[in-house]
């Protein structure tokens, strides 16, 4: 397993955080997702044999949010 923290721009409410959590959670290989509206971050635990960071970023950006940076 591998984890990544993504800084997300464009979240305006807790509903946005729930949308991001649902979108990421549907990606194959994702084991857990925690999204904080106040912190503007998503912490994702995933199987790198199934998916990768680029695919996770693309999942966040699909509904119109932006990933401003990746943090360890």
C-alpha atoms as a PDB file:
ATOM      1  CA  UNK A   1       0.000   0.000   0.000  1.00  0.00           C
ATOM      2  CA  UNK A   2       1.011   3.568  -0.635  1.00  0.00           C
ATOM      3  CA  UNK A   3      -0.453   6.854   0.580  1.00  0.00           C
ATOM      4  CA  UNK A   4      -0.572  10.298  -0.960  1.00  0.00           C
ATOM      5  CA  UNK A   5      -1.819  13.658   0.292  1.00  0.00           C
ATOM      6  CA  UNK A   6      -3.321  15.965  -2.309  1.00  0.00           C
ATOM      7  CA  UNK A   7      -3.912  19.680  -1.791  1.00  0.00           C
ATOM      8  CA  UNK A   8      -7.232  20.447  -3.493  1.00  0.00           C
ATOM      9  CA  UNK A   9      -8.466  23.834  -4.681  1.00  0.00           C
ATOM     10  CA  UNK A  10     -12.070  24.669  -5.429  1.00  0.00           C
ATOM     11  CA  UNK A  11     -13.828  23.021  -2.487  1.00  0.00           C
ATOM     12  CA  UNK A  12     -16.510  25.414  -1.242  1.00  0.00           C
ATOM     13  CA  UNK A  13     -18.402  23.248   1.233  1.00  0.00           C
ATOM     14  CA  UNK A  14     -18.594  19.886   2.978  1.00  0.00           C
ATOM     15  CA  UNK A  15     -20.639  18.629   0.017  1.00  0.00           C
ATOM     16  CA  UNK A  16     -17.633  19.244  -2.237  1.00  0.00           C
ATOM     17  CA  UNK A  17     -15.486  17.173   0.119  1.00  0.00           C
ATOM     18  CA  UNK A  18     -18.054  14.355   0.010  1.00  0.00           C
ATOM     19  CA  UNK A  19     -18.109  14.486  -3.800  1.00  0.00           C
ATOM     20  CA  UNK A  20     -14.323  14.201  -3.961  1.00  0.00           C
ATOM     21  CA  UNK A  21     -14.339  11.364  -1.440  1.00  0.00           C
ATOM     22  CA  UNK A  22     -16.927   9.463  -3.493  1.00  0.00           C
ATOM     23  CA  UNK A  23     -15.140  10.005  -6.816  1.00  0.00           C
ATOM     24  CA  UNK A  24     -11.760   8.897  -5.477  1.00  0.00           C
ATOM     25  CA  UNK A  25     -13.308   6.006  -3.562  1.00  0.00           C
ATOM     26  CA  UNK A  26     -14.684   4.542  -6.801  1.00  0.00           C
ATOM     27  CA  UNK A  27     -11.235   4.315  -8.386  1.00  0.00           C
ATOM     28  CA  UNK A  28      -9.878   0.752  -8.577  1.00  0.00           C
ATOM     29  CA  UNK A  29      -7.176   0.045  -6.012  1.00  0.00           C
ATOM     30  CA  UNK A  30      -8.214   2.770  -3.550  1.00  0.00           C
ATOM     31  CA  UNK A  31      -8.438   1.347  -0.032  1.00  0.00           C
ATOM     32  CA  UNK A  32      -9.366   4.485   1.929  1.00  0.00           C
ATOM     33  CA  UNK A  33      -9.978   8.195   1.423  1.00  0.00           C
ATOM     34  CA  UNK A  34     -10.209  11.038   3.923  1.00  0.00           C
ATOM     35  CA  UNK A  35     -11.073  14.521   2.650  1.00  0.00           C
ATOM     36  CA  UNK A  36     -11.104  17.645   4.810  1.00  0.00           C
ATOM     37  CA  UNK A  37     -12.924  20.717   3.560  1.00  0.00           C
ATOM     38  CA  UNK A  38     -11.276  23.010   6.115  1.00  0.00           C
ATOM     39  CA  UNK A  39      -7.794  21.784   5.262  1.00  0.00           C
ATOM     40  CA  UNK A  40      -8.449  21.442   1.551  1.00  0.00           C
ATOM     41  CA  UNK A  41      -6.730  18.089   1.453  1.00  0.00           C
ATOM     42  CA  UNK A  42      -7.340  14.485   0.569  1.00  0.00           C
ATOM     43  CA  UNK A  43      -5.360  11.612   2.078  1.00  0.00           C
ATOM     44  CA  UNK A  44      -5.578   8.495  -0.048  1.00  0.00           C
ATOM     45  CA  UNK A  45      -4.370   4.968   0.657  1.00  0.00           C
ATOM     46  CA  UNK A  46      -4.101   2.906  -2.509  1.00  0.00           C
ATOM     47  CA  UNK A  47      -2.533  -0.148  -4.105  1.00  0.00           C
ATOM     48  CA  UNK A  48       0.186   1.071  -6.516  1.00  0.00           C
ATOM     49  CA  UNK A  49      -0.067  -2.186  -8.485  1.00  0.00           C
ATOM     50  CA  UNK A  50      -3.614  -1.177  -9.476  1.00  0.00           C
ATOM     51  CA  UNK A  51      -3.590   2.621  -9.729  1.00  0.00           C
ATOM     52  CA  UNK A  52      -1.235   5.582  -9.471  1.00  0.00           C
ATOM     53  CA  UNK A  53      -1.098   9.199  -8.403  1.00  0.00           C
ATOM     54  CA  UNK A  54      -1.756  10.538 -11.904  1.00  0.00           C
ATOM     55  CA  UNK A  55      -5.012   8.588 -12.105  1.00  0.00           C
ATOM     56  CA  UNK A  56      -6.062   9.805  -8.644  1.00  0.00           C
ATOM     57  CA  UNK A  57      -5.338  13.421  -9.607  1.00  0.00           C
ATOM     58  CA  UNK A  58      -7.368  12.969 -12.785  1.00  0.00           C
ATOM     59  CA  UNK A  59     -10.285  11.624 -10.719  1.00  0.00           C
ATOM     60  CA  UNK A  60     -10.243  14.772  -8.537  1.00  0.00           C
ATOM     61  CA  UNK A  61     -10.052  17.056 -11.550  1.00  0.00           C
ATOM     62  CA  UNK A  62     -12.883  15.351 -13.467  1.00  0.00           C
ATOM     63  CA  UNK A  63     -15.679  17.085 -11.480  1.00  0.00           C
ATOM     64  CA  UNK A  64     -13.900  20.456 -11.730  1.00  0.00           C
ATOM     65  CA  UNK A  65     -11.563  20.632  -8.738  1.00  0.00           C
ATOM     66  CA  UNK A  66      -7.842  21.335  -9.010  1.00  0.00           C
ATOM     67  CA  UNK A  67      -4.902  19.617  -7.369  1.00  0.00           C
ATOM     68  CA  UNK A  68      -2.396  22.334  -6.535  1.00  0.00           C
ATOM     69  CA  UNK A  69       0.337  20.119  -5.090  1.00  0.00           C
ATOM     70  CA  UNK A  70       1.170  16.671  -3.896  1.00  0.00           C
ATOM     71  CA  UNK A  71       2.532  16.346  -0.405  1.00  0.00           C
ATOM     72  CA  UNK A  72       4.387  13.351   1.090  1.00  0.00           C
END
